[in-house]
């Protein structure tokens, strides 16, 4: 088991990518704290981990509130006595409007949850656990939207770009303290959240899939597999990097196919 005797905490662990990562960490031997605003989802994931003879605890938190971020880190330490892996994964974003039409409240909440909370949770984990233990791993779920622009997703783009560079800075500042930090940039992944976007989700998802060179959306487990590698000792010399998991989306320039050429030629 690649994470035997380690303790991890993941935010947004009650569904989607977070759920897949939590179950994968537990399967590989880690005790896991599953944090989510939706306790029904968090408890379900914990129950399924325990049914598979894993160790897990659920914790309810709105990570946009600093006191609740502190509480979730304290909960992990109270329950397990240490924290080896912090995976910042939960998000909120206002979408569907142009940059100049975003209201200040939506902008601030997006940055509070999807960027500031990542820094604050990392700060708490580093100061209360990882420096004292002599090391640890921080993973941040960013996005391909953090390395390129999208229409009508300005706040999300800015938050995820911040997550990418936050990961680099933490990595270089704490590299000699035994703390590694990396960002994962998923492309479109088939999660409950993405299924509910737009007035006609099925049509929109087909259009999204068509724009991905592999011709499909990713599965949450495909992101979890990368996260497991980065969390494990197999990645012991990997820090400050950004791993893209997007079916080739970011590799494409965005130009239309040349006449007579296409994905099946």
C-alpha atoms as a PDB file:
ATOM      1  CA  UNK A   1       0.000   0.000   0.000  1.00  0.00           C
ATOM      2  CA  UNK A   2       1.455   3.299  -1.109  1.00  0.00           C
ATOM      3  CA  UNK A   3      -0.041   5.436   1.683  1.00  0.00           C
ATOM      4  CA  UNK A   4       0.097   2.999   4.581  1.00  0.00           C
ATOM      5  CA  UNK A   5       0.024   4.629   8.038  1.00  0.00           C
ATOM      6  CA  UNK A   6      -0.532   8.110   6.609  1.00  0.00           C
ATOM      7  CA  UNK A   7      -3.317  10.546   7.292  1.00  0.00           C
ATOM      8  CA  UNK A   8      -4.951  12.630   4.608  1.00  0.00           C
ATOM      9  CA  UNK A   9      -7.622  15.311   4.471  1.00  0.00           C
ATOM     10  CA  UNK A  10      -9.525  16.245   1.338  1.00  0.00           C
ATOM     11  CA  UNK A  11     -12.003  19.069   0.903  1.00  0.00           C
ATOM     12  CA  UNK A  12     -14.979  18.598  -1.373  1.00  0.00           C
ATOM     13  CA  UNK A  13     -14.661  14.891  -0.643  1.00  0.00           C
ATOM     14  CA  UNK A  14     -18.361  14.122  -0.743  1.00  0.00           C
ATOM     15  CA  UNK A  15     -18.649  13.697  -4.514  1.00  0.00           C
ATOM     16  CA  UNK A  16     -16.838  13.825  -7.835  1.00  0.00           C
ATOM     17  CA  UNK A  17     -13.067  14.118  -7.930  1.00  0.00           C
ATOM     18  CA  UNK A  18     -12.883  14.487  -4.150  1.00  0.00           C
ATOM     19  CA  UNK A  19     -14.803  11.269  -3.581  1.00  0.00           C
ATOM     20  CA  UNK A  20     -12.615   9.326  -6.005  1.00  0.00           C
ATOM     21  CA  UNK A  21      -9.454  10.660  -4.358  1.00  0.00           C
ATOM     22  CA  UNK A  22     -10.681   9.951  -0.815  1.00  0.00           C
ATOM     23  CA  UNK A  23     -11.528   6.352  -1.686  1.00  0.00           C
ATOM     24  CA  UNK A  24      -8.236   5.886  -3.514  1.00  0.00           C
ATOM     25  CA  UNK A  25      -6.190   7.231  -0.608  1.00  0.00           C
ATOM     26  CA  UNK A  26      -8.055   4.954   1.796  1.00  0.00           C
ATOM     27  CA  UNK A  27      -7.641   1.941  -0.461  1.00  0.00           C
ATOM     28  CA  UNK A  28      -3.901   2.581  -0.435  1.00  0.00           C
ATOM     29  CA  UNK A  29      -3.769   2.560   3.371  1.00  0.00           C
ATOM     30  CA  UNK A  30      -4.355   6.154   4.451  1.00  0.00           C
ATOM     31  CA  UNK A  31      -6.734   7.304   7.133  1.00  0.00           C
ATOM     32  CA  UNK A  32      -8.862   9.978   5.480  1.00  0.00           C
ATOM     33  CA  UNK A  33     -10.831  12.975   6.709  1.00  0.00           C
ATOM     34  CA  UNK A  34     -13.575  13.679   4.186  1.00  0.00           C
ATOM     35  CA  UNK A  35     -14.553  17.351   4.380  1.00  0.00           C
ATOM     36  CA  UNK A  36     -17.625  18.739   2.646  1.00  0.00           C
ATOM     37  CA  UNK A  37     -20.457  21.211   3.162  1.00  0.00           C
ATOM     38  CA  UNK A  38     -22.789  18.386   2.222  1.00  0.00           C
ATOM     39  CA  UNK A  39     -22.579  16.029   5.181  1.00  0.00           C
ATOM     40  CA  UNK A  40     -24.873  13.530   3.532  1.00  0.00           C
ATOM     41  CA  UNK A  41     -22.319  13.081   0.772  1.00  0.00           C
ATOM     42  CA  UNK A  42     -19.375  13.071   3.170  1.00  0.00           C
ATOM     43  CA  UNK A  43     -20.989  10.454   5.420  1.00  0.00           C
ATOM     44  CA  UNK A  44     -21.856   8.289   2.422  1.00  0.00           C
ATOM     45  CA  UNK A  45     -18.243   8.328   1.216  1.00  0.00           C
ATOM     46  CA  UNK A  46     -16.978   7.575   4.732  1.00  0.00           C
ATOM     47  CA  UNK A  47     -19.452   4.720   5.052  1.00  0.00           C
ATOM     48  CA  UNK A  48     -18.283   3.198   1.785  1.00  0.00           C
ATOM     49  CA  UNK A  49     -14.647   3.520   2.815  1.00  0.00           C
ATOM     50  CA  UNK A  50     -15.354   1.841   6.135  1.00  0.00           C
ATOM     51  CA  UNK A  51     -17.344  -0.908   4.413  1.00  0.00           C
ATOM     52  CA  UNK A  52     -14.167  -1.657   2.468  1.00  0.00           C
ATOM     53  CA  UNK A  53     -12.251  -1.829   5.777  1.00  0.00           C
ATOM     54  CA  UNK A  54     -10.679   1.594   5.399  1.00  0.00           C
ATOM     55  CA  UNK A  55     -10.317   4.365   7.982  1.00  0.00           C
ATOM     56  CA  UNK A  56     -12.276   7.558   7.464  1.00  0.00           C
ATOM     57  CA  UNK A  57     -14.029  10.373   9.284  1.00  0.00           C
ATOM     58  CA  UNK A  58     -16.481  12.968   7.981  1.00  0.00           C
ATOM     59  CA  UNK A  59     -16.291  16.662   8.816  1.00  0.00           C
ATOM     60  CA  UNK A  60     -18.622  19.463   7.791  1.00  0.00           C
ATOM     61  CA  UNK A  61     -17.002  22.734   6.806  1.00  0.00           C
ATOM     62  CA  UNK A  62     -17.516  25.762   4.608  1.00  0.00           C
ATOM     63  CA  UNK A  63     -13.919  26.358   3.595  1.00  0.00           C
ATOM     64  CA  UNK A  64     -14.713  29.962   2.740  1.00  0.00           C
ATOM     65  CA  UNK A  65     -14.805  30.602   6.499  1.00  0.00           C
ATOM     66  CA  UNK A  66     -11.278  30.675   8.011  1.00  0.00           C
ATOM     67  CA  UNK A  67     -12.443  29.419  11.423  1.00  0.00           C
ATOM     68  CA  UNK A  68     -13.935  26.340   9.786  1.00  0.00           C
ATOM     69  CA  UNK A  69     -10.704  25.693   7.904  1.00  0.00           C
ATOM     70  CA  UNK A  70      -8.826  25.788  11.211  1.00  0.00           C
ATOM     71  CA  UNK A  71     -11.437  23.466  12.715  1.00  0.00           C
ATOM     72  CA  UNK A  72     -11.066  20.844   9.986  1.00  0.00           C
ATOM     73  CA  UNK A  73      -7.287  20.723  10.422  1.00  0.00           C
ATOM     74  CA  UNK A  74      -7.743  20.503  14.195  1.00  0.00           C
ATOM     75  CA  UNK A  75     -10.274  17.706  13.733  1.00  0.00           C
ATOM     76  CA  UNK A  76      -7.792  15.657  11.705  1.00  0.00           C
ATOM     77  CA  UNK A  77      -5.125  16.108  14.359  1.00  0.00           C
ATOM     78  CA  UNK A  78      -7.533  15.256  17.176  1.00  0.00           C
ATOM     79  CA  UNK A  79      -8.755  12.099  15.442  1.00  0.00           C
ATOM     80  CA  UNK A  80      -5.506  10.803  14.001  1.00  0.00           C
ATOM     81  CA  UNK A  81      -2.673  12.678  15.722  1.00  0.00           C
ATOM     82  CA  UNK A  82      -0.978  13.833  12.528  1.00  0.00           C
ATOM     83  CA  UNK A  83      -1.617  15.086   8.986  1.00  0.00           C
ATOM     84  CA  UNK A  84       0.554  13.808   6.149  1.00  0.00           C
ATOM     85  CA  UNK A  85      -1.535  14.841   3.162  1.00  0.00           C
ATOM     86  CA  UNK A  86      -3.679  17.903   2.595  1.00  0.00           C
ATOM     87  CA  UNK A  87      -5.655  17.881  -0.636  1.00  0.00           C
ATOM     88  CA  UNK A  88      -7.377  21.206  -1.316  1.00  0.00           C
ATOM     89  CA  UNK A  89     -10.127  20.332  -3.760  1.00  0.00           C
ATOM     90  CA  UNK A  90     -13.451  22.048  -2.975  1.00  0.00           C
ATOM     91  CA  UNK A  91     -14.525  24.956  -5.167  1.00  0.00           C
ATOM     92  CA  UNK A  92     -17.154  27.591  -5.693  1.00  0.00           C
ATOM     93  CA  UNK A  93     -17.408  29.837  -8.715  1.00  0.00           C
ATOM     94  CA  UNK A  94     -19.751  32.282 -10.343  1.00  0.00           C
ATOM     95  CA  UNK A  95     -19.979  31.339 -14.029  1.00  0.00           C
ATOM     96  CA  UNK A  96     -21.929  32.164 -17.140  1.00  0.00           C
ATOM     97  CA  UNK A  97     -21.337  35.921 -17.203  1.00  0.00           C
ATOM     98  CA  UNK A  98     -18.732  38.145 -18.804  1.00  0.00           C
ATOM     99  CA  UNK A  99     -15.936  39.619 -16.699  1.00  0.00           C
ATOM    100  CA  UNK A 100     -17.541  43.069 -16.495  1.00  0.00           C
ATOM    101  CA  UNK A 101     -20.896  41.596 -15.419  1.00  0.00           C
ATOM    102  CA  UNK A 102     -19.675  39.628 -12.384  1.00  0.00           C
ATOM    103  CA  UNK A 103     -20.915  41.189  -9.161  1.00  0.00           C
ATOM    104  CA  UNK A 104     -18.470  41.852  -6.359  1.00  0.00           C
ATOM    105  CA  UNK A 105     -20.087  39.340  -4.011  1.00  0.00           C
ATOM    106  CA  UNK A 106     -19.740  36.504  -6.517  1.00  0.00           C
ATOM    107  CA  UNK A 107     -16.149  37.465  -7.313  1.00  0.00           C
ATOM    108  CA  UNK A 108     -15.151  37.601  -3.657  1.00  0.00           C
ATOM    109  CA  UNK A 109     -16.843  34.314  -2.771  1.00  0.00           C
ATOM    110  CA  UNK A 110     -15.140  32.590  -5.712  1.00  0.00           C
ATOM    111  CA  UNK A 111     -11.724  33.799  -4.577  1.00  0.00           C
ATOM    112  CA  UNK A 112     -12.464  33.080  -0.909  1.00  0.00           C
ATOM    113  CA  UNK A 113     -13.422  29.439  -1.509  1.00  0.00           C
ATOM    114  CA  UNK A 114     -11.356  28.517  -4.553  1.00  0.00           C
ATOM    115  CA  UNK A 115      -8.077  30.266  -3.738  1.00  0.00           C
ATOM    116  CA  UNK A 116      -7.827  31.924  -0.325  1.00  0.00           C
ATOM    117  CA  UNK A 117      -9.079  28.795   1.434  1.00  0.00           C
ATOM    118  CA  UNK A 118      -6.362  26.751  -0.284  1.00  0.00           C
ATOM    119  CA  UNK A 119      -3.699  29.105   1.080  1.00  0.00           C
ATOM    120  CA  UNK A 120      -5.268  29.219   4.519  1.00  0.00           C
ATOM    121  CA  UNK A 121      -5.640  25.445   4.807  1.00  0.00           C
ATOM    122  CA  UNK A 122      -2.051  25.010   3.638  1.00  0.00           C
ATOM    123  CA  UNK A 123      -0.900  27.591   6.182  1.00  0.00           C
ATOM    124  CA  UNK A 124      -2.716  25.756   8.965  1.00  0.00           C
ATOM    125  CA  UNK A 125      -1.448  22.330   7.919  1.00  0.00           C
ATOM    126  CA  UNK A 126       2.147  23.526   7.590  1.00  0.00           C
ATOM    127  CA  UNK A 127       2.236  25.365  10.912  1.00  0.00           C
ATOM    128  CA  UNK A 128       0.276  22.938  13.083  1.00  0.00           C
ATOM    129  CA  UNK A 129       1.360  19.599  11.648  1.00  0.00           C
ATOM    130  CA  UNK A 130       3.828  19.296   8.792  1.00  0.00           C
ATOM    131  CA  UNK A 131       6.717  21.360  10.134  1.00  0.00           C
ATOM    132  CA  UNK A 132       6.501  19.529  13.458  1.00  0.00           C
ATOM    133  CA  UNK A 133       6.371  16.137  11.742  1.00  0.00           C
ATOM    134  CA  UNK A 134       9.277  16.929   9.462  1.00  0.00           C
ATOM    135  CA  UNK A 135       7.296  16.865   6.227  1.00  0.00           C
ATOM    136  CA  UNK A 136       4.103  16.299   4.351  1.00  0.00           C
ATOM    137  CA  UNK A 137       2.362  16.627   1.007  1.00  0.00           C
ATOM    138  CA  UNK A 138      -0.017  19.314  -0.208  1.00  0.00           C
ATOM    139  CA  UNK A 139      -2.030  18.742  -3.368  1.00  0.00           C
ATOM    140  CA  UNK A 140      -4.133  21.481  -4.906  1.00  0.00           C
ATOM    141  CA  UNK A 141      -6.830  20.803  -7.473  1.00  0.00           C
ATOM    142  CA  UNK A 142      -6.411  23.566 -10.029  1.00  0.00           C
ATOM    143  CA  UNK A 143      -7.746  23.234 -13.572  1.00  0.00           C
ATOM    144  CA  UNK A 144      -6.878  23.623 -17.225  1.00  0.00           C
ATOM    145  CA  UNK A 145      -8.852  26.827 -16.703  1.00  0.00           C
ATOM    146  CA  UNK A 146      -5.929  28.005 -14.578  1.00  0.00           C
ATOM    147  CA  UNK A 147      -3.483  27.803 -17.491  1.00  0.00           C
ATOM    148  CA  UNK A 148      -5.710  29.221 -20.246  1.00  0.00           C
ATOM    149  CA  UNK A 149      -8.777  31.416 -20.542  1.00  0.00           C
ATOM    150  CA  UNK A 150     -12.398  30.367 -20.927  1.00  0.00           C
ATOM    151  CA  UNK A 151     -15.405  32.337 -22.026  1.00  0.00           C
ATOM    152  CA  UNK A 152     -17.750  33.335 -19.185  1.00  0.00           C
ATOM    153  CA  UNK A 153     -15.559  31.863 -16.430  1.00  0.00           C
ATOM    154  CA  UNK A 154     -13.383  34.824 -15.472  1.00  0.00           C
ATOM    155  CA  UNK A 155     -13.515  34.404 -11.687  1.00  0.00           C
ATOM    156  CA  UNK A 156     -12.875  30.662 -11.950  1.00  0.00           C
ATOM    157  CA  UNK A 157      -9.963  31.226 -14.349  1.00  0.00           C
ATOM    158  CA  UNK A 158      -8.369  33.736 -12.010  1.00  0.00           C
ATOM    159  CA  UNK A 159      -8.819  31.545  -8.927  1.00  0.00           C
ATOM    160  CA  UNK A 160      -7.360  28.468 -10.590  1.00  0.00           C
ATOM    161  CA  UNK A 161      -4.421  30.399 -12.017  1.00  0.00           C
ATOM    162  CA  UNK A 162      -3.754  31.567  -8.487  1.00  0.00           C
ATOM    163  CA  UNK A 163      -3.855  27.987  -7.233  1.00  0.00           C
ATOM    164  CA  UNK A 164      -1.199  26.993  -9.782  1.00  0.00           C
ATOM    165  CA  UNK A 165       1.216  29.676  -8.631  1.00  0.00           C
ATOM    166  CA  UNK A 166       0.364  29.215  -4.944  1.00  0.00           C
ATOM    167  CA  UNK A 167       1.460  25.605  -5.369  1.00  0.00           C
ATOM    168  CA  UNK A 168       4.784  26.673  -6.877  1.00  0.00           C
ATOM    169  CA  UNK A 169       5.522  29.148  -4.092  1.00  0.00           C
ATOM    170  CA  UNK A 170       4.701  26.714  -1.278  1.00  0.00           C
ATOM    171  CA  UNK A 171       6.853  24.116  -3.023  1.00  0.00           C
ATOM    172  CA  UNK A 172       9.977  26.249  -3.221  1.00  0.00           C
ATOM    173  CA  UNK A 173       9.611  27.840   0.206  1.00  0.00           C
ATOM    174  CA  UNK A 174       9.178  24.543   2.058  1.00  0.00           C
ATOM    175  CA  UNK A 175      11.180  22.140  -0.115  1.00  0.00           C
ATOM    176  CA  UNK A 176      13.959  21.919   2.489  1.00  0.00           C
ATOM    177  CA  UNK A 177      11.413  21.297   5.234  1.00  0.00           C
ATOM    178  CA  UNK A 178      10.313  18.022   3.675  1.00  0.00           C
ATOM    179  CA  UNK A 179       7.034  19.434   2.355  1.00  0.00           C
ATOM    180  CA  UNK A 180       6.075  18.842  -1.265  1.00  0.00           C
ATOM    181  CA  UNK A 181       3.334  20.775  -3.039  1.00  0.00           C
ATOM    182  CA  UNK A 182       1.898  20.193  -6.500  1.00  0.00           C
ATOM    183  CA  UNK A 183      -1.143  21.203  -8.522  1.00  0.00           C
ATOM    184  CA  UNK A 184      -3.375  18.943 -10.586  1.00  0.00           C
ATOM    185  CA  UNK A 185      -5.127  20.524 -13.572  1.00  0.00           C
ATOM    186  CA  UNK A 186      -8.091  18.421 -14.642  1.00  0.00           C
ATOM    187  CA  UNK A 187      -9.869  19.113 -17.879  1.00  0.00           C
ATOM    188  CA  UNK A 188     -13.600  18.437 -18.173  1.00  0.00           C
ATOM    189  CA  UNK A 189     -14.349  15.551 -15.819  1.00  0.00           C
ATOM    190  CA  UNK A 190     -17.728  13.833 -15.637  1.00  0.00           C
ATOM    191  CA  UNK A 191     -18.789  14.806 -12.119  1.00  0.00           C
ATOM    192  CA  UNK A 192     -22.203  15.647 -10.631  1.00  0.00           C
ATOM    193  CA  UNK A 193     -21.282  19.327 -10.817  1.00  0.00           C
ATOM    194  CA  UNK A 194     -20.532  19.378 -14.521  1.00  0.00           C
ATOM    195  CA  UNK A 195     -23.649  17.363 -15.339  1.00  0.00           C
ATOM    196  CA  UNK A 196     -25.798  20.221 -14.074  1.00  0.00           C
ATOM    197  CA  UNK A 197     -24.313  23.055 -16.127  1.00  0.00           C
ATOM    198  CA  UNK A 198     -26.511  24.870 -18.619  1.00  0.00           C
ATOM    199  CA  UNK A 199     -30.077  24.525 -19.787  1.00  0.00           C
ATOM    200  CA  UNK A 200     -29.317  21.453 -21.907  1.00  0.00           C
ATOM    201  CA  UNK A 201     -26.471  19.608 -20.123  1.00  0.00           C
ATOM    202  CA  UNK A 202     -26.461  16.589 -22.427  1.00  0.00           C
ATOM    203  CA  UNK A 203     -26.041  18.707 -25.546  1.00  0.00           C
ATOM    204  CA  UNK A 204     -23.393  20.855 -23.878  1.00  0.00           C
ATOM    205  CA  UNK A 205     -21.426  17.817 -22.669  1.00  0.00           C
ATOM    206  CA  UNK A 206     -21.437  16.363 -26.180  1.00  0.00           C
ATOM    207  CA  UNK A 207     -20.020  19.639 -27.485  1.00  0.00           C
ATOM    208  CA  UNK A 208     -17.349  19.665 -24.778  1.00  0.00           C
ATOM    209  CA  UNK A 209     -16.367  16.074 -25.545  1.00  0.00           C
ATOM    210  CA  UNK A 210     -16.070  16.894 -29.233  1.00  0.00           C
ATOM    211  CA  UNK A 211     -13.455  19.529 -28.418  1.00  0.00           C
ATOM    212  CA  UNK A 212     -11.265  17.074 -26.488  1.00  0.00           C
ATOM    213  CA  UNK A 213      -8.771  15.171 -28.663  1.00  0.00           C
ATOM    214  CA  UNK A 214      -9.652  11.896 -26.952  1.00  0.00           C
ATOM    215  CA  UNK A 215     -13.301  12.567 -27.749  1.00  0.00           C
ATOM    216  CA  UNK A 216     -14.644  12.099 -24.233  1.00  0.00           C
ATOM    217  CA  UNK A 217     -14.736  13.606 -20.775  1.00  0.00           C
ATOM    218  CA  UNK A 218     -12.510  12.246 -18.063  1.00  0.00           C
ATOM    219  CA  UNK A 219     -13.551  10.017 -15.191  1.00  0.00           C
ATOM    220  CA  UNK A 220     -12.911  11.174 -11.593  1.00  0.00           C
ATOM    221  CA  UNK A 221     -10.817   8.062 -10.998  1.00  0.00           C
ATOM    222  CA  UNK A 222      -8.429   9.162 -13.734  1.00  0.00           C
ATOM    223  CA  UNK A 223      -7.680  12.272 -11.691  1.00  0.00           C
ATOM    224  CA  UNK A 224      -7.452  10.244  -8.478  1.00  0.00           C
ATOM    225  CA  UNK A 225      -4.815   8.006 -10.053  1.00  0.00           C
ATOM    226  CA  UNK A 226      -2.598  11.029 -10.672  1.00  0.00           C
ATOM    227  CA  UNK A 227      -3.290  12.377  -7.188  1.00  0.00           C
ATOM    228  CA  UNK A 228      -2.242   9.061  -5.670  1.00  0.00           C
ATOM    229  CA  UNK A 229       1.079   9.181  -7.490  1.00  0.00           C
ATOM    230  CA  UNK A 230       1.750  12.749  -6.332  1.00  0.00           C
ATOM    231  CA  UNK A 231       0.798  11.875  -2.741  1.00  0.00           C
ATOM    232  CA  UNK A 232       3.025   8.816  -2.620  1.00  0.00           C
ATOM    233  CA  UNK A 233       6.760   8.362  -2.218  1.00  0.00           C
ATOM    234  CA  UNK A 234       6.902   7.473  -5.896  1.00  0.00           C
ATOM    235  CA  UNK A 235       6.786  11.247  -6.440  1.00  0.00           C
ATOM    236  CA  UNK A 236       9.428  12.006  -3.797  1.00  0.00           C
ATOM    237  CA  UNK A 237      11.370  14.321  -6.153  1.00  0.00           C
ATOM    238  CA  UNK A 238       8.283  15.954  -7.660  1.00  0.00           C
ATOM    239  CA  UNK A 239       7.340  19.344  -6.256  1.00  0.00           C
ATOM    240  CA  UNK A 240       6.224  22.683  -7.602  1.00  0.00           C
ATOM    241  CA  UNK A 241       4.817  21.190 -10.755  1.00  0.00           C
ATOM    242  CA  UNK A 242       1.461  21.197 -12.481  1.00  0.00           C
ATOM    243  CA  UNK A 243       0.135  17.917 -13.860  1.00  0.00           C
ATOM    244  CA  UNK A 244      -2.522  18.260 -16.552  1.00  0.00           C
ATOM    245  CA  UNK A 245      -5.178  15.535 -16.817  1.00  0.00           C
ATOM    246  CA  UNK A 246      -7.327  16.586 -19.747  1.00  0.00           C
ATOM    247  CA  UNK A 247      -7.361  14.087 -22.603  1.00  0.00           C
ATOM    248  CA  UNK A 248      -5.129  16.335 -24.693  1.00  0.00           C
ATOM    249  CA  UNK A 249      -7.350  19.422 -24.458  1.00  0.00           C
ATOM    250  CA  UNK A 250      -4.576  21.830 -23.504  1.00  0.00           C
ATOM    251  CA  UNK A 251      -2.284  20.455 -26.197  1.00  0.00           C
ATOM    252  CA  UNK A 252      -4.633  21.665 -28.938  1.00  0.00           C
ATOM    253  CA  UNK A 253      -4.281  25.234 -30.193  1.00  0.00           C
ATOM    254  CA  UNK A 254      -8.028  25.664 -30.558  1.00  0.00           C
ATOM    255  CA  UNK A 255      -7.796  26.178 -34.321  1.00  0.00           C
ATOM    256  CA  UNK A 256     -10.493  24.537 -36.427  1.00  0.00           C
ATOM    257  CA  UNK A 257      -9.510  21.408 -38.307  1.00  0.00           C
ATOM    258  CA  UNK A 258      -8.039  21.922 -41.757  1.00  0.00           C
ATOM    259  CA  UNK A 259     -10.278  20.970 -44.676  1.00  0.00           C
ATOM    260  CA  UNK A 260     -10.296  17.223 -45.113  1.00  0.00           C
ATOM    261  CA  UNK A 261      -8.622  16.669 -41.759  1.00  0.00           C
ATOM    262  CA  UNK A 262     -10.216  15.864 -38.467  1.00  0.00           C
ATOM    263  CA  UNK A 263     -10.034  13.604 -35.431  1.00  0.00           C
ATOM    264  CA  UNK A 264     -10.724  10.478 -37.485  1.00  0.00           C
ATOM    265  CA  UNK A 265      -8.486  11.050 -40.505  1.00  0.00           C
END
